[in-house]
Amino acid sequence: MTERALRLGTRRSKLAMAQSGHVADAVRQLTGRPVELVEITTYGDTSREHLAQIGGTGVFVAALRDALLAGEVDFAVHSLKDLPTAQHPDLVLAAIPEREDPRDVLIAGEGVTLDRLPKGARVGTGSPRRMAQLHAYARSQGLEFTCVPIRGNVDTRVGYVRSGELDAVVLAAAGLNRIGGTEELLGSLSHDPLPVDSVLPAPGQGALAVECAAASVDLVAELCELDDPLTRAAVTAERSLLAALEAGCSAPVGALADLLDDGKPAITEMRLRAVVGTTDGSTLVQLSTTGPVPATNRAAMELGRELADEMLAKGAAGLMGERAL
């Protein structure tokens, strides 16, 4: 008798379908069971407001979680950066697979990079985090450009540059990589990864979250096999910092925990960097800390909380437009 297909809840966007497809393939290989994708429309998909206006926190995941709790799907795949930092009591984050490239990417005209944007350039991004850091970079380099709030899928955003409506847009590298066909999508447009020393990504950017009902004990055990411990440690530290700042996922907060390869056989240290800033880039609080790679979830959370406390002591709270109470 053939086992029932596992139902994977996913958003309908091209990127979400690509991400969920990768996870579905891994689950099929892991369990030997068929997996079918169940497309679900979220509030974040239908609202035309900018993310900063609708709050951002949970707008892309609530409908998926409702489907999980109602038993309409067996598990769901989210972009981790969209997931609220507070864990739902009836759901479990069964796996965080190995992270993709966490950086942001500037898409612009042929041969144009961030430091070569023309004076008065219009750069599209709906992210207060990106706006804050891009404006701060411009100030530091004597550049002049304007950030323009935009929404839409990857094709739509790239289209703004191709049509000349905008000089550039900023996207997550992970999304481009997962969709594939970058050369066909971009054509002659430039593809400039932004160094994290200038623009830190959103906490959890580049990572996926595989979530299911806590009561599905056997499925949780199977999905745990997809978990990457080092990725989980890194994003747990980043999200713990975000939670301690009491900031939502659309607040102007960047964070990245990366593993320091000092040439030793085993990687033993992790560096956590974070930034909070006003969206005009006039004021930033930037700090970092380095310590042993957290061996437990509690240690990773503590790393994030400690750095957040230091940032709050330096005035970070007053720079955030959104506070998640």
Protein backbone atom coordinates (compact mmCIF):
# COMPACT_ATOMS: atom_id res chain seq x y z
CA MET A 1 0.00 0.00 0.00
CA THR A 2 1.41 3.40 -1.04
CA GLU A 3 1.85 5.90 1.79
CA ARG A 4 -0.21 9.07 1.63
CA ALA A 5 1.62 12.00 0.07
CA LEU A 6 2.97 14.56 2.50
CA ARG A 7 1.38 17.97 1.93
CA LEU A 8 3.84 20.87 1.91
CA GLY A 9 2.28 24.30 2.41
CA THR A 10 3.91 27.07 0.40
CA ARG A 11 3.25 30.60 -0.79
CA ARG A 12 2.40 30.91 -4.49
CA SER A 13 5.25 33.19 -5.59
CA LYS A 14 7.88 31.94 -8.02
CA LEU A 15 10.56 32.18 -5.34
CA ALA A 16 8.47 30.43 -2.67
CA MET A 17 7.62 27.62 -5.07
CA ALA A 18 11.29 27.20 -5.98
CA GLN A 19 12.33 27.13 -2.31
CA SER A 20 9.60 24.68 -1.39
CA GLY A 21 10.47 22.54 -4.40
CA HIS A 22 14.05 22.16 -3.15
CA VAL A 23 12.79 21.10 0.29
CA ALA A 24 10.20 18.75 -1.23
CA ASP A 25 12.93 16.98 -3.20
CA ALA A 26 15.02 16.58 -0.05
CA VAL A 27 12.04 15.22 1.92
CA ARG A 28 11.17 12.73 -0.84
CA GLN A 29 14.75 11.47 -0.82
CA LEU A 30 14.85 11.37 2.98
CA THR A 31 11.51 9.64 3.62
CA GLY A 32 10.79 7.80 0.39
CA ARG A 33 7.30 9.33 0.49
CA PRO A 34 5.66 11.45 -2.22
CA VAL A 35 5.37 15.17 -1.43
CA GLU A 36 2.79 17.47 -2.98
CA LEU A 37 2.91 21.26 -2.84
CA VAL A 38 -0.22 23.01 -1.54
CA GLU A 39 -0.31 26.65 -2.64
CA ILE A 40 -1.57 29.13 -0.04
CA THR A 41 -2.12 32.86 -0.42
CA THR A 42 -0.95 35.00 2.51
CA TYR A 43 -1.93 38.53 3.54
CA GLY A 44 1.51 39.75 2.53
CA ASP A 45 0.92 38.44 -1.01
CA THR A 46 -2.40 40.24 -1.51
CA SER A 47 -1.76 43.55 0.29
CA ARG A 48 -0.42 46.33 -1.93
CA GLU A 49 0.88 48.36 1.02
CA HIS A 50 4.60 48.61 1.62
CA LEU A 51 5.90 46.11 4.18
CA ALA A 52 6.93 48.87 6.57
CA GLN A 53 3.30 50.04 6.60
CA ILE A 54 1.70 46.64 7.27
CA GLY A 55 4.28 45.77 9.92
CA GLY A 56 6.03 42.95 8.10
CA THR A 57 6.03 40.58 11.06
CA GLY A 58 4.23 37.38 10.16
CA VAL A 59 2.34 38.74 7.14
CA PHE A 60 3.81 36.04 4.90
CA VAL A 61 3.45 33.15 7.35
CA ALA A 62 0.13 33.46 9.23
CA ALA A 63 -1.96 31.73 6.56
CA LEU A 64 0.58 28.89 6.28
CA ARG A 65 0.51 28.44 10.03
CA ASP A 66 -3.30 28.42 10.05
CA ALA A 67 -3.24 25.63 7.45
CA LEU A 68 -0.79 23.65 9.59
CA LEU A 69 -2.91 24.03 12.71
CA ALA A 70 -6.06 23.04 10.79
CA GLY A 71 -4.39 19.89 9.47
CA GLU A 72 -4.72 21.06 5.85
CA VAL A 73 -0.97 20.63 5.29
CA ASP A 74 1.62 18.47 7.05
CA PHE A 75 4.51 20.92 7.03
CA ALA A 76 5.36 24.34 5.61
CA VAL A 77 8.40 26.11 4.23
CA HIS A 78 9.07 29.77 5.05
CA SER A 79 11.87 32.22 4.36
CA LEU A 80 13.28 32.36 7.88
CA LYS A 81 13.61 36.15 7.81
CA ASP A 82 9.78 36.36 7.47
CA LEU A 83 9.15 34.23 10.57
CA PRO A 84 8.26 35.99 13.86
CA THR A 85 10.94 35.47 16.49
CA ALA A 86 8.41 34.12 19.03
CA GLN A 87 7.82 30.41 18.44
CA HIS A 88 4.18 29.31 18.16
CA PRO A 89 3.35 26.98 21.08
CA ASP A 90 1.70 24.33 18.87
CA LEU A 91 4.28 24.37 16.08
CA VAL A 92 7.92 23.34 15.91
CA LEU A 93 10.76 24.58 13.74
CA ALA A 94 11.81 21.07 12.70
CA ALA A 95 14.65 22.01 10.37
CA ILE A 96 16.76 24.92 9.18
CA PRO A 97 18.67 23.54 6.16
CA GLU A 98 22.11 24.81 5.16
CA ARG A 99 21.98 28.52 4.42
CA GLU A 100 22.27 30.07 0.97
CA ASP A 101 24.29 33.26 0.33
CA PRO A 102 22.95 35.74 2.95
CA ARG A 103 24.09 38.90 1.12
CA ASP A 104 22.05 41.52 -0.71
CA VAL A 105 22.68 42.15 -4.42
CA LEU A 106 22.45 45.38 -6.41
CA ILE A 107 20.87 44.93 -9.84
CA ALA A 108 21.68 47.89 -12.08
CA GLY A 109 22.60 48.85 -15.64
CA GLU A 110 25.46 47.15 -17.42
CA GLY A 111 28.76 47.76 -15.60
CA VAL A 112 27.13 49.76 -12.77
CA THR A 113 28.08 48.90 -9.19
CA LEU A 114 27.07 50.54 -5.92
CA ASP A 115 30.01 52.97 -5.96
CA ARG A 116 29.36 53.84 -9.63
CA LEU A 117 25.69 54.79 -9.36
CA PRO A 118 25.05 58.07 -11.17
CA LYS A 119 24.39 61.19 -9.14
CA GLY A 120 20.71 61.32 -8.18
CA ALA A 121 20.17 57.61 -8.96
CA ARG A 122 16.87 56.04 -7.89
CA VAL A 123 17.40 52.74 -6.04
CA GLY A 124 14.39 50.52 -5.41
CA THR A 125 13.95 48.72 -2.10
CA GLY A 126 11.03 48.30 0.30
CA SER A 127 13.32 47.48 3.23
CA PRO A 128 14.02 50.11 5.94
CA ARG A 129 17.12 48.06 6.86
CA ARG A 130 18.53 48.39 3.35
CA MET A 131 17.55 52.07 3.15
CA ALA A 132 19.36 52.88 6.39
CA GLN A 133 22.60 51.20 5.36
CA LEU A 134 22.55 52.34 1.72
CA HIS A 135 22.02 55.95 2.76
CA ALA A 136 24.79 55.65 5.36
CA TYR A 137 27.11 54.22 2.69
CA ALA A 138 26.24 57.06 0.33
CA ARG A 139 27.04 59.63 3.04
CA SER A 140 30.39 57.98 3.78
CA GLN A 141 31.39 57.86 0.10
CA GLY A 142 30.09 61.26 -0.99
CA LEU A 143 27.45 59.67 -3.24
CA GLU A 144 23.94 60.94 -3.89
CA PHE A 145 21.05 58.56 -4.56
CA THR A 146 17.46 58.15 -3.44
CA CYS A 147 15.85 54.95 -2.13
CA VAL A 148 12.39 54.35 -3.61
CA PRO A 149 9.96 51.96 -1.83
CA ILE A 150 8.92 49.08 -4.11
CA ARG A 151 7.15 45.74 -3.83
CA GLY A 152 6.66 42.80 -6.14
CA ASN A 153 8.33 39.54 -7.11
CA VAL A 154 11.87 39.25 -8.48
CA ASP A 155 10.79 39.61 -12.12
CA THR A 156 8.79 42.76 -11.34
CA ARG A 157 11.66 44.38 -9.46
CA VAL A 158 14.22 43.60 -12.14
CA GLY A 159 11.73 44.99 -14.67
CA TYR A 160 11.93 48.42 -13.03
CA VAL A 161 15.63 48.57 -13.93
CA ARG A 162 15.20 47.11 -17.41
CA SER A 163 12.49 49.69 -18.23
CA GLY A 164 14.60 52.57 -16.90
CA GLU A 165 12.01 53.48 -14.25
CA LEU A 166 14.71 52.89 -11.62
CA ASP A 167 18.50 52.96 -11.86
CA ALA A 168 18.91 49.95 -9.57
CA VAL A 169 17.10 47.61 -7.20
CA VAL A 170 18.38 45.61 -4.24
CA LEU A 171 17.42 41.93 -3.88
CA ALA A 172 18.47 39.02 -1.68
CA ALA A 173 21.17 36.91 -3.34
CA ALA A 174 19.57 33.73 -1.99
CA GLY A 175 16.35 34.38 -3.88
CA LEU A 176 18.14 34.85 -7.19
CA ASN A 177 20.21 31.73 -6.62
CA ARG A 178 17.21 29.56 -5.72
CA ILE A 179 15.11 30.69 -8.66
CA GLY A 180 17.97 29.96 -11.06
CA GLY A 181 18.27 31.24 -14.61
CA THR A 182 19.95 34.43 -13.41
CA GLU A 183 21.69 35.08 -16.73
CA GLU A 184 18.40 34.80 -18.63
CA LEU A 185 16.57 36.97 -16.09
CA LEU A 186 19.16 39.74 -15.91
CA GLY A 187 20.54 39.77 -19.45
CA SER A 188 23.03 42.64 -19.70
CA LEU A 189 22.15 44.07 -16.27
CA SER A 190 24.91 44.06 -13.65
CA HIS A 191 24.77 41.81 -10.58
CA ASP A 192 26.80 43.31 -7.72
CA PRO A 193 26.82 41.43 -4.36
CA LEU A 194 26.95 44.03 -1.58
CA PRO A 195 29.75 43.43 0.96
CA VAL A 196 28.40 42.75 4.43
CA ASP A 197 30.86 45.31 5.78
CA SER A 198 28.64 47.93 4.08
CA VAL A 199 25.18 46.32 4.12
CA LEU A 200 24.38 43.66 6.70
CA PRO A 201 21.51 41.30 5.71
CA ALA A 202 18.27 40.80 7.60
CA PRO A 203 18.49 38.37 10.53
CA GLY A 204 18.01 34.88 9.09
CA GLN A 205 18.35 36.03 5.45
CA GLY A 206 19.29 33.19 3.10
CA ALA A 207 17.94 30.50 5.43
CA LEU A 208 14.73 28.48 5.15
CA ALA A 209 12.47 27.32 7.97
CA VAL A 210 10.69 23.96 7.83
CA GLU A 211 7.80 24.08 10.29
CA CYS A 212 5.22 21.48 11.31
CA ALA A 213 2.74 20.73 14.09
CA ALA A 214 4.38 19.78 17.38
CA ALA A 215 1.93 16.87 17.65
CA SER A 216 3.36 15.29 14.46
CA VAL A 217 6.17 13.66 16.42
CA ASP A 218 7.22 11.14 13.75
CA LEU A 219 7.31 13.76 11.00
CA VAL A 220 9.28 16.14 13.21
CA ALA A 221 11.87 13.39 13.75
CA GLU A 222 12.15 12.82 10.00
CA LEU A 223 12.39 16.50 9.09
CA CYS A 224 15.08 17.08 11.73
CA GLU A 225 17.43 15.19 9.42
CA LEU A 226 17.40 18.24 7.11
CA ASP A 227 18.69 20.52 9.86
CA ASP A 228 22.14 22.11 9.55
CA PRO A 229 23.48 22.69 13.08
CA LEU A 230 25.88 25.51 12.17
CA THR A 231 23.20 27.39 10.22
CA ARG A 232 20.77 26.96 13.11
CA ALA A 233 23.32 28.30 15.60
CA ALA A 234 24.05 31.34 13.43
CA VAL A 235 20.44 32.32 12.69
CA THR A 236 19.36 31.63 16.27
CA ALA A 237 21.92 34.20 17.46
CA GLU A 238 20.70 36.71 14.84
CA ARG A 239 17.02 36.21 15.64
CA SER A 240 17.67 36.34 19.38
CA LEU A 241 19.25 39.76 18.86
CA LEU A 242 16.19 40.87 16.87
CA ALA A 243 13.86 39.64 19.60
CA ALA A 244 15.86 41.33 22.35
CA LEU A 245 15.67 44.61 20.44
CA GLU A 246 11.88 44.09 20.40
CA ALA A 247 12.00 44.78 16.67
CA GLY A 248 9.86 43.26 13.94
CA CYS A 249 11.23 41.79 10.72
CA SER A 250 10.61 45.06 8.84
CA ALA A 251 12.52 47.23 11.32
CA PRO A 252 15.87 48.73 10.18
CA VAL A 253 17.94 45.97 11.81
CA GLY A 254 20.71 44.02 10.09
CA ALA A 255 22.56 41.08 11.62
CA LEU A 256 24.89 38.32 10.49
CA ALA A 257 26.57 35.56 12.46
CA ASP A 258 29.37 34.01 10.46
CA LEU A 259 31.83 31.27 11.25
CA LEU A 260 35.49 32.27 11.40
CA ASP A 261 37.78 29.93 9.52
CA ASP A 262 41.21 30.51 11.04
CA GLY A 263 42.84 27.63 9.22
CA LYS A 264 42.31 25.11 12.00
CA PRO A 265 40.80 21.68 11.18
CA ALA A 266 37.57 22.60 12.99
CA ILE A 267 35.76 25.95 13.00
CA THR A 268 35.54 27.05 16.62
CA GLU A 269 34.57 30.75 16.59
CA MET A 270 31.50 32.70 15.54
CA ARG A 271 31.31 36.46 14.94
CA LEU A 272 27.97 38.25 15.31
CA ARG A 273 27.65 41.68 13.71
CA ALA A 274 24.59 43.90 13.90
CA VAL A 275 23.40 47.35 12.90
CA VAL A 276 20.38 49.52 13.71
CA GLY A 277 19.86 52.81 11.95
CA THR A 278 17.54 55.58 10.92
CA THR A 279 16.29 55.08 7.37
CA ASP A 280 18.01 58.28 6.17
CA GLY A 281 21.34 56.78 7.24
CA SER A 282 22.21 59.75 9.44
CA THR A 283 22.64 57.65 12.59
CA LEU A 284 23.74 54.03 12.95
CA VAL A 285 24.58 51.85 15.94
CA GLN A 286 26.97 49.13 14.77
CA LEU A 287 28.52 46.53 17.06
CA SER A 288 30.02 43.06 16.87
CA THR A 289 31.09 40.28 19.18
CA THR A 290 33.11 37.10 18.72
CA GLY A 291 32.99 33.92 20.77
CA PRO A 292 33.00 30.14 20.60
CA VAL A 293 30.54 28.54 18.18
CA PRO A 294 27.45 28.04 20.40
CA ALA A 295 27.08 24.41 21.37
CA THR A 296 23.46 24.77 22.44
CA ASN A 297 20.38 26.74 21.41
CA ARG A 298 20.52 28.59 24.73
CA ALA A 299 24.14 29.65 24.12
CA ALA A 300 23.25 30.98 20.64
CA MET A 301 20.34 32.95 22.08
CA GLU A 302 22.54 34.37 24.81
CA LEU A 303 25.08 35.57 22.23
CA GLY A 304 22.34 37.52 20.47
CA ARG A 305 20.85 38.93 23.66
CA GLU A 306 24.19 40.17 24.94
CA LEU A 307 24.96 42.10 21.77
CA ALA A 308 21.41 43.51 21.70
CA ASP A 309 21.85 44.77 25.27
CA GLU A 310 25.03 46.59 24.23
CA MET A 311 23.23 48.16 21.26
CA LEU A 312 20.31 49.28 23.39
CA ALA A 313 22.78 50.86 25.83
CA LYS A 314 24.13 52.89 22.90
CA GLY A 315 20.69 54.18 21.92
CA ALA A 316 19.51 51.59 19.37
CA ALA A 317 15.89 51.69 20.61
CA GLY A 318 15.45 55.29 19.54
CA LEU A 319 16.49 54.54 15.95
CA MET A 320 13.84 51.94 15.13
CA GLY A 321 10.58 53.00 13.57
CA GLU A 322 8.86 49.75 14.59
CA ARG A 323 8.78 48.19 18.02
CA ALA A 324 7.11 44.79 18.32
CA LEU A 325 5.33 44.82 21.68
